[in-house]
Amino acid sequence: MNSLKARAAQILQEIEQETSLIRQWFANPTTRLFPLAVMFLVPQKLIRP
């Protein structure tokens, strides 16, 4: 039973550590650009002259 209580306490500590690491990771976001293309496929029937 003591091992379960110890593991529960350890899990809480791990959650706090991981939460802190995630907050640090996303604290200073950087902008990233990537090429993007959009193609509209319109059926020939819908094109007006």
PDB file of N, CA and C in Angstrom:
ATOM      1  N   MET A   1       0.814  -1.189   0.000  1.00  0.00           N
ATOM      2  CA  MET A   1       0.000   0.000   0.000  1.00  0.00           C
ATOM      3  C   MET A   1       0.864   1.261   0.000  1.00  0.00           C
ATOM      4  N   ASN A   2       2.002   1.182   0.693  1.00  0.00           N
ATOM      5  CA  ASN A   2       2.906   2.329   0.731  1.00  0.00           C
ATOM      6  C   ASN A   2       3.459   2.640  -0.654  1.00  0.00           C
ATOM      7  N   SER A   3       3.681   1.583  -1.437  1.00  0.00           N
ATOM      8  CA  SER A   3       4.217   1.799  -2.778  1.00  0.00           C
ATOM      9  C   SER A   3       3.207   2.535  -3.657  1.00  0.00           C
ATOM     10  N   LEU A   4       1.926   2.275  -3.476  1.00  0.00           N
ATOM     11  CA  LEU A   4       0.892   2.973  -4.243  1.00  0.00           C
ATOM     12  C   LEU A   4       0.837   4.452  -3.865  1.00  0.00           C
ATOM     13  N   LYS A   5       0.939   4.739  -2.584  1.00  0.00           N
ATOM     14  CA  LYS A   5       0.942   6.132  -2.136  1.00  0.00           C
ATOM     15  C   LYS A   5       2.175   6.854  -2.648  1.00  0.00           C
ATOM     16  N   ALA A   6       3.317   6.171  -2.637  1.00  0.00           N
ATOM     17  CA  ALA A   6       4.560   6.771  -3.126  1.00  0.00           C
ATOM     18  C   ALA A   6       4.449   7.050  -4.623  1.00  0.00           C
ATOM     19  N   ARG A   7       3.877   6.100  -5.351  1.00  0.00           N
ATOM     20  CA  ARG A   7       3.727   6.283  -6.807  1.00  0.00           C
ATOM     21  C   ARG A   7       2.755   7.412  -7.110  1.00  0.00           C
ATOM     22  N   ALA A   8       1.677   7.533  -6.338  1.00  0.00           N
ATOM     23  CA  ALA A   8       0.715   8.614  -6.534  1.00  0.00           C
ATOM     24  C   ALA A   8       1.392   9.967  -6.325  1.00  0.00           C
ATOM     25  N   ALA A   9       2.214  10.060  -5.292  1.00  0.00           N
ATOM     26  CA  ALA A   9       2.944  11.302  -5.041  1.00  0.00           C
ATOM     27  C   ALA A   9       3.936  11.580  -6.167  1.00  0.00           C
ATOM     28  N   GLN A  10       4.565  10.530  -6.665  1.00  0.00           N
ATOM     29  CA  GLN A  10       5.532  10.677  -7.758  1.00  0.00           C
ATOM     30  C   GLN A  10       4.824  11.139  -9.031  1.00  0.00           C
ATOM     31  N   ILE A  11       3.652  10.615  -9.302  1.00  0.00           N
ATOM     32  CA  ILE A  11       2.894  11.010 -10.487  1.00  0.00           C
ATOM     33  C   ILE A  11       2.537  12.496 -10.411  1.00  0.00           C
ATOM     34  N   LEU A  12       2.105  12.952  -9.259  1.00  0.00           N
ATOM     35  CA  LEU A  12       1.782  14.380  -9.100  1.00  0.00           C
ATOM     36  C   LEU A  12       3.010  15.247  -9.369  1.00  0.00           C
ATOM     37  N   GLN A  13       4.153  14.808  -8.882  1.00  0.00           N
ATOM     38  CA  GLN A  13       5.392  15.560  -9.110  1.00  0.00           C
ATOM     39  C   GLN A  13       5.754  15.555 -10.601  1.00  0.00           C
ATOM     40  N   GLU A  14       5.591  14.428 -11.266  1.00  0.00           N
ATOM     41  CA  GLU A  14       5.878  14.333 -12.703  1.00  0.00           C
ATOM     42  C   GLU A  14       4.960  15.251 -13.498  1.00  0.00           C
ATOM     43  N   ILE A  15       3.698  15.325 -13.114  1.00  0.00           N
ATOM     44  CA  ILE A  15       2.756  16.198 -13.813  1.00  0.00           C
ATOM     45  C   ILE A  15       3.195  17.652 -13.679  1.00  0.00           C
ATOM     46  N   GLU A  16       3.598  18.050 -12.492  1.00  0.00           N
ATOM     47  CA  GLU A  16       4.067  19.425 -12.282  1.00  0.00           C
ATOM     48  C   GLU A  16       5.313  19.717 -13.116  1.00  0.00           C
ATOM     49  N   GLN A  17       6.260  18.772 -13.159  1.00  0.00           N
ATOM     50  CA  GLN A  17       7.479  18.963 -13.943  1.00  0.00           C
ATOM     51  C   GLN A  17       7.169  19.066 -15.434  1.00  0.00           C
ATOM     52  N   GLU A  18       6.338  18.179 -15.934  1.00  0.00           N
ATOM     53  CA  GLU A  18       6.018  18.184 -17.360  1.00  0.00           C
ATOM     54  C   GLU A  18       5.226  19.430 -17.745  1.00  0.00           C
ATOM     55  N   THR A  19       4.323  19.858 -16.871  1.00  0.00           N
ATOM     56  CA  THR A  19       3.569  21.085 -17.131  1.00  0.00           C
ATOM     57  C   THR A  19       4.506  22.276 -17.216  1.00  0.00           C
ATOM     58  N   SER A  20       5.464  22.323 -16.314  1.00  0.00           N
ATOM     59  CA  SER A  20       6.447  23.405 -16.329  1.00  0.00           C
ATOM     60  C   SER A  20       7.266  23.388 -17.621  1.00  0.00           C
ATOM     61  N   LEU A  21       7.700  22.210 -18.044  1.00  0.00           N
ATOM     62  CA  LEU A  21       8.477  22.098 -19.287  1.00  0.00           C
ATOM     63  C   LEU A  21       7.654  22.536 -20.502  1.00  0.00           C
ATOM     64  N   ILE A  22       6.390  22.166 -20.538  1.00  0.00           N
ATOM     65  CA  ILE A  22       5.524  22.553 -21.659  1.00  0.00           C
ATOM     66  C   ILE A  22       5.336  24.067 -21.681  1.00  0.00           C
ATOM     67  N   ARG A  23       5.127  24.660 -20.509  1.00  0.00           N
ATOM     68  CA  ARG A  23       4.970  26.120 -20.444  1.00  0.00           C
ATOM     69  C   ARG A  23       6.238  26.824 -20.909  1.00  0.00           C
ATOM     70  N   GLN A  24       7.400  26.305 -20.535  1.00  0.00           N
ATOM     71  CA  GLN A  24       8.670  26.893 -20.985  1.00  0.00           C
ATOM     72  C   GLN A  24       8.823  26.758 -22.498  1.00  0.00           C
ATOM     73  N   TRP A  25       8.453  25.613 -23.040  1.00  0.00           N
ATOM     74  CA  TRP A  25       8.590  25.343 -24.474  1.00  0.00           C
ATOM     75  C   TRP A  25       7.755  26.330 -25.300  1.00  0.00           C
ATOM     76  N   PHE A  26       6.550  26.634 -24.831  1.00  0.00           N
ATOM     77  CA  PHE A  26       5.647  27.497 -25.577  1.00  0.00           C
ATOM     78  C   PHE A  26       5.651  28.943 -25.087  1.00  0.00           C
ATOM     79  N   ALA A  27       6.579  29.306 -24.221  1.00  0.00           N
ATOM     80  CA  ALA A  27       6.630  30.656 -23.655  1.00  0.00           C
ATOM     81  C   ALA A  27       6.947  31.708 -24.721  1.00  0.00           C
ATOM     82  N   ASN A  28       7.848  31.392 -25.639  1.00  0.00           N
ATOM     83  CA  ASN A  28       8.265  32.339 -26.674  1.00  0.00           C
ATOM     84  C   ASN A  28       8.060  31.721 -28.051  1.00  0.00           C
ATOM     85  N   PRO A  29       6.836  31.768 -28.556  1.00  0.00           N
ATOM     86  CA  PRO A  29       6.587  31.147 -29.855  1.00  0.00           C
ATOM     87  C   PRO A  29       7.301  31.904 -30.977  1.00  0.00           C
ATOM     88  N   THR A  30       7.712  31.165 -31.978  1.00  0.00           N
ATOM     89  CA  THR A  30       8.357  31.776 -33.137  1.00  0.00           C
ATOM     90  C   THR A  30       7.465  31.569 -34.357  1.00  0.00           C
ATOM     91  N   THR A  31       7.465  32.564 -35.211  1.00  0.00           N
ATOM     92  CA  THR A  31       6.672  32.501 -36.429  1.00  0.00           C
ATOM     93  C   THR A  31       7.419  31.673 -37.463  1.00  0.00           C
ATOM     94  N   ARG A  32       6.705  30.765 -38.073  1.00  0.00           N
ATOM     95  CA  ARG A  32       7.295  29.947 -39.134  1.00  0.00           C
ATOM     96  C   ARG A  32       6.407  30.069 -40.362  1.00  0.00           C
ATOM     97  N   LEU A  33       7.032  30.326 -41.474  1.00  0.00           N
ATOM     98  CA  LEU A  33       6.299  30.439 -42.728  1.00  0.00           C
ATOM     99  C   LEU A  33       6.580  29.210 -43.575  1.00  0.00           C
ATOM    100  N   PHE A  34       5.600  28.785 -44.310  1.00  0.00           N
ATOM    101  CA  PHE A  34       5.795  27.675 -45.215  1.00  0.00           C
ATOM    102  C   PHE A  34       5.005  27.945 -46.487  1.00  0.00           C
ATOM    103  N   PRO A  35       5.492  27.455 -47.603  1.00  0.00           N
ATOM    104  CA  PRO A  35       4.802  27.708 -48.865  1.00  0.00           C
ATOM    105  C   PRO A  35       3.435  27.025 -48.891  1.00  0.00           C
ATOM    106  N   LEU A  36       2.514  27.715 -49.490  1.00  0.00           N
ATOM    107  CA  LEU A  36       1.152  27.196 -49.556  1.00  0.00           C
ATOM    108  C   LEU A  36       0.567  27.525 -50.919  1.00  0.00           C
ATOM    109  N   ALA A  37      -0.138  26.599 -51.475  1.00  0.00           N
ATOM    110  CA  ALA A  37      -0.813  26.828 -52.747  1.00  0.00           C
ATOM    111  C   ALA A  37      -2.245  26.315 -52.632  1.00  0.00           C
ATOM    112  N   VAL A  38      -3.151  27.028 -53.259  1.00  0.00           N
ATOM    113  CA  VAL A  38      -4.554  26.615 -53.272  1.00  0.00           C
ATOM    114  C   VAL A  38      -4.987  26.511 -54.723  1.00  0.00           C
ATOM    115  N   MET A  39      -5.630  25.413 -55.054  1.00  0.00           N
ATOM    116  CA  MET A  39      -6.104  25.227 -56.416  1.00  0.00           C
ATOM    117  C   MET A  39      -7.613  25.013 -56.358  1.00  0.00           C
ATOM    118  N   PHE A  40      -8.329  25.819 -57.105  1.00  0.00           N
ATOM    119  CA  PHE A  40      -9.779  25.672 -57.184  1.00  0.00           C
ATOM    120  C   PHE A  40     -10.111  24.889 -58.447  1.00  0.00           C
ATOM    121  N   LEU A  41     -10.789  23.796 -58.279  1.00  0.00           N
ATOM    122  CA  LEU A  41     -11.199  22.982 -59.415  1.00  0.00           C
ATOM    123  C   LEU A  41     -12.677  23.256 -59.665  1.00  0.00           C
ATOM    124  N   VAL A  42     -12.958  23.905 -60.797  1.00  0.00           N
ATOM    125  CA  VAL A  42     -14.321  24.287 -61.138  1.00  0.00           C
ATOM    126  C   VAL A  42     -14.734  23.491 -62.371  1.00  0.00           C
ATOM    127  N   PRO A  43     -15.860  22.805 -62.280  1.00  0.00           N
ATOM    128  CA  PRO A  43     -16.322  22.049 -63.447  1.00  0.00           C
ATOM    129  C   PRO A  43     -16.572  22.984 -64.641  1.00  0.00           C
ATOM    130  N   GLN A  44     -16.299  22.494 -65.806  1.00  0.00           N
ATOM    131  CA  GLN A  44     -16.437  23.280 -67.041  1.00  0.00           C
ATOM    132  C   GLN A  44     -17.858  23.823 -67.191  1.00  0.00           C
ATOM    133  N   LYS A  45     -18.864  23.092 -66.736  1.00  0.00           N
ATOM    134  CA  LYS A  45     -20.264  23.511 -66.857  1.00  0.00           C
ATOM    135  C   LYS A  45     -20.537  24.802 -66.083  1.00  0.00           C
ATOM    136  N   LEU A  46     -19.820  25.052 -65.025  1.00  0.00           N
ATOM    137  CA  LEU A  46     -20.087  26.226 -64.190  1.00  0.00           C
ATOM    138  C   LEU A  46     -19.356  27.488 -64.651  1.00  0.00           C
ATOM    139  N   ILE A  47     -18.484  27.358 -65.615  1.00  0.00           N
ATOM    140  CA  ILE A  47     -17.735  28.520 -66.098  1.00  0.00           C
ATOM    141  C   ILE A  47     -18.582  29.245 -67.131  1.00  0.00           C
ATOM    142  N   ARG A  48     -18.830  30.541 -66.887  1.00  0.00           N
ATOM    143  CA  ARG A  48     -19.600  31.340 -67.850  1.00  0.00           C
ATOM    144  C   ARG A  48     -18.666  32.009 -68.841  1.00  0.00           C
ATOM    145  N   PRO A  49     -19.105  32.106 -70.088  1.00  0.00           N
ATOM    146  CA  PRO A  49     -18.238  32.766 -71.103  1.00  0.00           C
ATOM    147  C   PRO A  49     -18.178  34.273 -70.917  1.00  0.00           C
TER     148      PRO A  49
END
